[in-house]
N, C-alpha and C. Protein backbone atom coordinates (compact mmCIF):
# COMPACT_ATOMS: atom_id res chain seq x y z
N MET A 1 -63.00 -76.00 -21.21
CA MET A 1 -63.73 -77.15 -20.87
C MET A 1 -64.11 -76.73 -19.43
N ASP A 2 -65.18 -76.62 -18.76
CA ASP A 2 -65.58 -76.32 -17.34
C ASP A 2 -65.55 -77.72 -16.45
N ARG A 3 -65.66 -77.49 -15.30
CA ARG A 3 -65.63 -78.58 -14.36
C ARG A 3 -66.87 -79.61 -14.66
N GLU A 4 -67.89 -78.91 -14.99
CA GLU A 4 -69.28 -79.73 -14.99
C GLU A 4 -69.33 -80.55 -16.11
N SER A 5 -68.95 -80.03 -17.32
CA SER A 5 -68.69 -80.61 -18.55
C SER A 5 -67.61 -81.63 -18.59
N ALA A 6 -66.45 -81.46 -17.92
CA ALA A 6 -65.52 -82.54 -17.75
C ALA A 6 -66.09 -83.81 -16.89
N TYR A 7 -67.04 -83.46 -15.70
CA TYR A 7 -67.32 -84.53 -14.88
C TYR A 7 -68.37 -85.29 -15.79
N GLN A 8 -69.12 -84.59 -16.77
CA GLN A 8 -70.11 -85.23 -17.57
C GLN A 8 -69.26 -86.11 -18.42
N THR A 9 -68.31 -85.85 -19.06
CA THR A 9 -67.69 -86.71 -20.04
C THR A 9 -66.90 -87.71 -19.31
N PHE A 10 -66.42 -87.59 -17.98
CA PHE A 10 -65.69 -88.51 -17.26
C PHE A 10 -66.88 -89.63 -16.83
N GLN A 11 -68.17 -89.43 -16.38
CA GLN A 11 -69.05 -90.15 -16.05
C GLN A 11 -69.59 -90.99 -17.13
N GLU A 12 -69.66 -90.50 -18.49
CA GLU A 12 -70.11 -90.97 -19.48
C GLU A 12 -68.97 -92.14 -20.03
N CYS A 13 -67.72 -91.84 -19.74
CA CYS A 13 -66.54 -92.82 -20.17
C CYS A 13 -66.64 -94.06 -19.28
N VAL A 14 -66.80 -93.82 -18.02
CA VAL A 14 -66.79 -94.72 -16.94
C VAL A 14 -67.84 -95.73 -16.98
N ALA A 15 -68.98 -94.93 -17.24
CA ALA A 15 -70.33 -95.74 -17.45
C ALA A 15 -70.23 -96.84 -18.72
N GLU A 16 -69.63 -96.28 -19.86
CA GLU A 16 -69.22 -97.34 -21.04
C GLU A 16 -68.58 -98.25 -20.98
N VAL A 17 -67.30 -97.85 -20.21
CA VAL A 17 -66.29 -98.90 -20.03
C VAL A 17 -66.76 -100.05 -19.13
N LEU A 18 -67.47 -99.72 -18.09
CA LEU A 18 -68.03 -100.49 -17.04
C LEU A 18 -69.40 -101.23 -17.38
N ASP A 19 -69.98 -100.50 -18.27
CA ASP A 19 -71.23 -101.20 -18.83
C ASP A 19 -72.45 -101.09 -17.72
N VAL A 20 -72.44 -99.69 -16.95
CA VAL A 20 -73.32 -99.59 -15.74
C VAL A 20 -74.01 -98.22 -16.21
N GLU A 21 -75.13 -97.97 -15.73
CA GLU A 21 -75.99 -96.85 -15.75
C GLU A 21 -75.12 -95.61 -15.30
N GLN A 22 -75.19 -94.60 -16.07
CA GLN A 22 -74.61 -93.21 -15.52
C GLN A 22 -74.89 -92.91 -14.17
N GLU A 23 -76.00 -93.02 -13.92
CA GLU A 23 -76.57 -92.61 -12.68
C GLU A 23 -75.88 -93.52 -11.40
N ARG A 24 -75.14 -94.46 -11.57
CA ARG A 24 -74.45 -95.29 -10.61
C ARG A 24 -72.91 -94.69 -10.46
N VAL A 25 -72.48 -93.82 -11.45
CA VAL A 25 -71.15 -93.41 -11.60
C VAL A 25 -71.34 -91.87 -10.67
N VAL A 26 -71.30 -91.98 -9.35
CA VAL A 26 -71.50 -90.87 -8.69
C VAL A 26 -70.05 -90.58 -7.64
N PRO A 27 -69.83 -89.56 -7.34
CA PRO A 27 -68.32 -89.26 -6.54
C PRO A 27 -68.24 -90.30 -5.32
N SER A 28 -69.05 -90.64 -4.64
CA SER A 28 -68.88 -91.55 -3.60
C SER A 28 -68.81 -93.07 -3.90
N ALA A 29 -69.03 -93.37 -5.25
CA ALA A 29 -68.91 -94.77 -5.59
C ALA A 29 -67.61 -95.31 -5.43
N LEU A 30 -67.45 -96.52 -4.76
CA LEU A 30 -66.17 -97.43 -4.73
C LEU A 30 -66.06 -98.18 -5.92
N TRP A 31 -64.95 -98.00 -6.62
CA TRP A 31 -64.69 -98.68 -7.83
C TRP A 31 -65.11 -100.13 -7.89
N ASP A 32 -64.56 -100.82 -6.86
CA ASP A 32 -64.63 -102.30 -6.69
C ASP A 32 -66.22 -102.78 -6.21
N LYS A 33 -66.32 -102.16 -5.12
CA LYS A 33 -67.53 -102.42 -4.36
C LYS A 33 -68.96 -102.07 -5.18
N ASP A 34 -68.88 -100.93 -5.43
CA ASP A 34 -70.25 -100.23 -6.11
C ASP A 34 -70.22 -100.51 -7.59
N LEU A 35 -69.11 -100.56 -8.27
CA LEU A 35 -69.30 -100.44 -9.81
C LEU A 35 -68.45 -101.56 -10.35
N GLY A 36 -67.92 -102.64 -9.56
CA GLY A 36 -67.54 -103.96 -9.88
C GLY A 36 -66.38 -103.85 -10.71
N ALA A 37 -65.50 -102.52 -10.82
CA ALA A 37 -64.20 -102.53 -11.66
C ALA A 37 -63.33 -103.21 -10.95
N ASP A 38 -62.43 -103.88 -11.81
CA ASP A 38 -61.21 -104.48 -11.33
C ASP A 38 -60.09 -103.85 -11.91
N SER A 39 -58.69 -104.06 -11.76
CA SER A 39 -57.60 -103.41 -12.03
C SER A 39 -57.65 -103.30 -13.62
N LEU A 40 -57.98 -104.19 -14.23
CA LEU A 40 -57.89 -104.00 -15.80
C LEU A 40 -59.00 -103.16 -16.33
N ALA A 41 -60.38 -103.03 -15.61
CA ALA A 41 -61.20 -101.95 -15.93
C ALA A 41 -60.71 -100.64 -15.62
N VAL A 42 -59.98 -100.30 -14.66
CA VAL A 42 -59.30 -99.09 -14.28
C VAL A 42 -58.38 -98.55 -15.38
N ILE A 43 -57.38 -99.67 -16.05
CA ILE A 43 -56.72 -99.34 -17.17
C ILE A 43 -57.45 -98.90 -18.26
N GLU A 44 -58.62 -99.74 -18.61
CA GLU A 44 -59.34 -99.31 -19.81
C GLU A 44 -60.25 -97.96 -19.58
N ILE A 45 -60.63 -97.72 -18.21
CA ILE A 45 -61.17 -96.26 -18.08
C ILE A 45 -60.14 -95.20 -18.45
N THR A 46 -58.81 -95.45 -17.90
CA THR A 46 -57.93 -94.49 -17.96
C THR A 46 -57.58 -94.26 -19.62
N LEU A 47 -57.47 -95.29 -20.26
CA LEU A 47 -57.38 -95.11 -21.79
C LEU A 47 -58.40 -94.36 -22.41
N ALA A 48 -59.59 -94.88 -22.08
CA ALA A 48 -60.95 -94.10 -22.57
C ALA A 48 -60.74 -92.58 -22.21
N LEU A 49 -60.49 -92.09 -21.07
CA LEU A 49 -60.39 -90.77 -20.52
C LEU A 49 -59.19 -90.16 -21.17
N ASN A 50 -58.20 -90.84 -21.46
CA ASN A 50 -56.94 -90.17 -22.34
C ASN A 50 -57.66 -89.96 -23.70
N ASP A 51 -58.38 -90.59 -24.15
CA ASP A 51 -58.99 -90.37 -25.84
C ASP A 51 -60.02 -89.48 -25.62
N ALA A 52 -60.90 -89.42 -24.58
CA ALA A 52 -61.98 -88.34 -24.69
C ALA A 52 -61.47 -86.98 -24.44
N PHE A 53 -60.55 -86.77 -23.46
CA PHE A 53 -60.05 -85.50 -23.23
C PHE A 53 -58.73 -85.32 -23.82
N SER A 54 -58.38 -86.01 -24.77
CA SER A 54 -56.97 -85.69 -25.49
C SER A 54 -55.95 -85.33 -24.91
N VAL A 55 -55.69 -86.06 -23.93
CA VAL A 55 -54.56 -85.85 -22.86
C VAL A 55 -53.89 -87.32 -22.28
N LYS A 56 -52.87 -87.15 -21.69
CA LYS A 56 -52.23 -88.32 -21.08
C LYS A 56 -52.42 -87.85 -19.55
N LEU A 57 -53.33 -88.83 -18.92
CA LEU A 57 -53.28 -88.84 -17.50
C LEU A 57 -52.39 -89.63 -16.91
N PRO A 58 -51.78 -88.94 -15.80
CA PRO A 58 -50.74 -89.70 -15.16
C PRO A 58 -51.03 -91.08 -14.35
N ASP A 59 -50.08 -92.05 -14.45
CA ASP A 59 -50.36 -93.25 -13.95
C ASP A 59 -50.78 -93.10 -12.21
N PHE A 60 -51.55 -93.95 -11.61
CA PHE A 60 -51.85 -93.70 -10.25
C PHE A 60 -52.14 -95.09 -9.64
N GLU A 61 -51.93 -95.05 -8.38
CA GLU A 61 -52.17 -96.33 -7.81
C GLU A 61 -53.51 -96.50 -7.26
N PRO A 62 -54.19 -97.55 -7.24
CA PRO A 62 -55.61 -97.61 -6.95
C PRO A 62 -55.88 -96.97 -5.55
N GLU A 63 -54.81 -97.02 -4.65
CA GLU A 63 -55.28 -96.54 -3.23
C GLU A 63 -55.18 -94.81 -3.21
N ASP A 64 -54.74 -94.38 -4.56
CA ASP A 64 -54.81 -92.95 -4.64
C ASP A 64 -56.40 -92.46 -5.07
N ALA A 65 -56.92 -93.27 -5.69
CA ALA A 65 -58.33 -92.94 -6.32
C ALA A 65 -59.36 -94.18 -5.82
N ARG A 66 -59.77 -94.33 -4.73
CA ARG A 66 -60.68 -95.47 -4.05
C ARG A 66 -62.11 -95.09 -4.60
N THR A 67 -62.30 -93.94 -4.77
CA THR A 67 -63.77 -93.49 -5.21
C THR A 67 -63.66 -92.78 -6.78
N VAL A 68 -64.88 -92.87 -7.02
CA VAL A 68 -65.22 -92.04 -8.52
C VAL A 68 -64.59 -90.69 -8.31
N GLY A 69 -65.02 -90.10 -7.22
CA GLY A 69 -64.75 -88.49 -6.86
C GLY A 69 -63.11 -88.46 -7.02
N ASP A 70 -62.49 -89.37 -6.37
CA ASP A 70 -61.10 -89.23 -5.98
C ASP A 70 -60.30 -89.45 -7.35
N ALA A 71 -60.87 -90.12 -8.26
CA ALA A 71 -60.38 -90.33 -9.74
C ALA A 71 -60.77 -89.16 -10.39
N PHE A 72 -61.94 -88.52 -10.36
CA PHE A 72 -62.23 -87.42 -11.02
C PHE A 72 -61.46 -86.11 -10.87
N GLU A 73 -60.95 -86.13 -9.33
CA GLU A 73 -59.94 -84.93 -8.95
C GLU A 73 -58.69 -85.20 -9.62
N LEU A 74 -57.98 -86.37 -9.88
CA LEU A 74 -56.89 -86.53 -10.49
C LEU A 74 -57.09 -85.96 -12.05
N VAL A 75 -58.24 -86.44 -12.58
CA VAL A 75 -58.48 -85.77 -13.87
C VAL A 75 -58.58 -84.39 -13.96
N ALA A 76 -59.34 -83.63 -13.22
CA ALA A 76 -59.73 -82.37 -13.09
C ALA A 76 -58.38 -81.70 -12.85
N ALA A 77 -57.47 -82.09 -12.08
CA ALA A 77 -56.13 -81.40 -11.93
C ALA A 77 -55.45 -81.43 -13.20
N THR A 78 -55.51 -82.41 -13.83
CA THR A 78 -54.65 -82.78 -15.12
C THR A 78 -55.24 -81.61 -16.09
N LEU A 79 -56.64 -81.58 -16.28
CA LEU A 79 -57.54 -80.59 -17.12
C LEU A 79 -57.29 -79.26 -16.67
N ASP A 80 -56.93 -79.13 -15.36
CA ASP A 80 -56.94 -77.88 -14.69
C ASP A 80 -58.39 -77.07 -14.70
N VAL A 81 -59.38 -77.90 -14.42
CA VAL A 81 -60.54 -77.41 -14.17
C VAL A 81 -61.24 -77.59 -12.78
């Protein structure tokens, strides 16, 4: 899987869990302010990403991934893309 297709899958998972349009899931988006995600939603997103990528993503603190882009970088590092 390349980085672009990984981001597409990531974006689809986030949009589905948060029930938002994919176009809103951009690297600069803040989880809480821009997408309305709370801590429970972040857990649901992590579980969805684990399933979508067939991996176990590491646990992380919200301050480690304040934006969508930060979170994708954690996913990309796990996937090595």
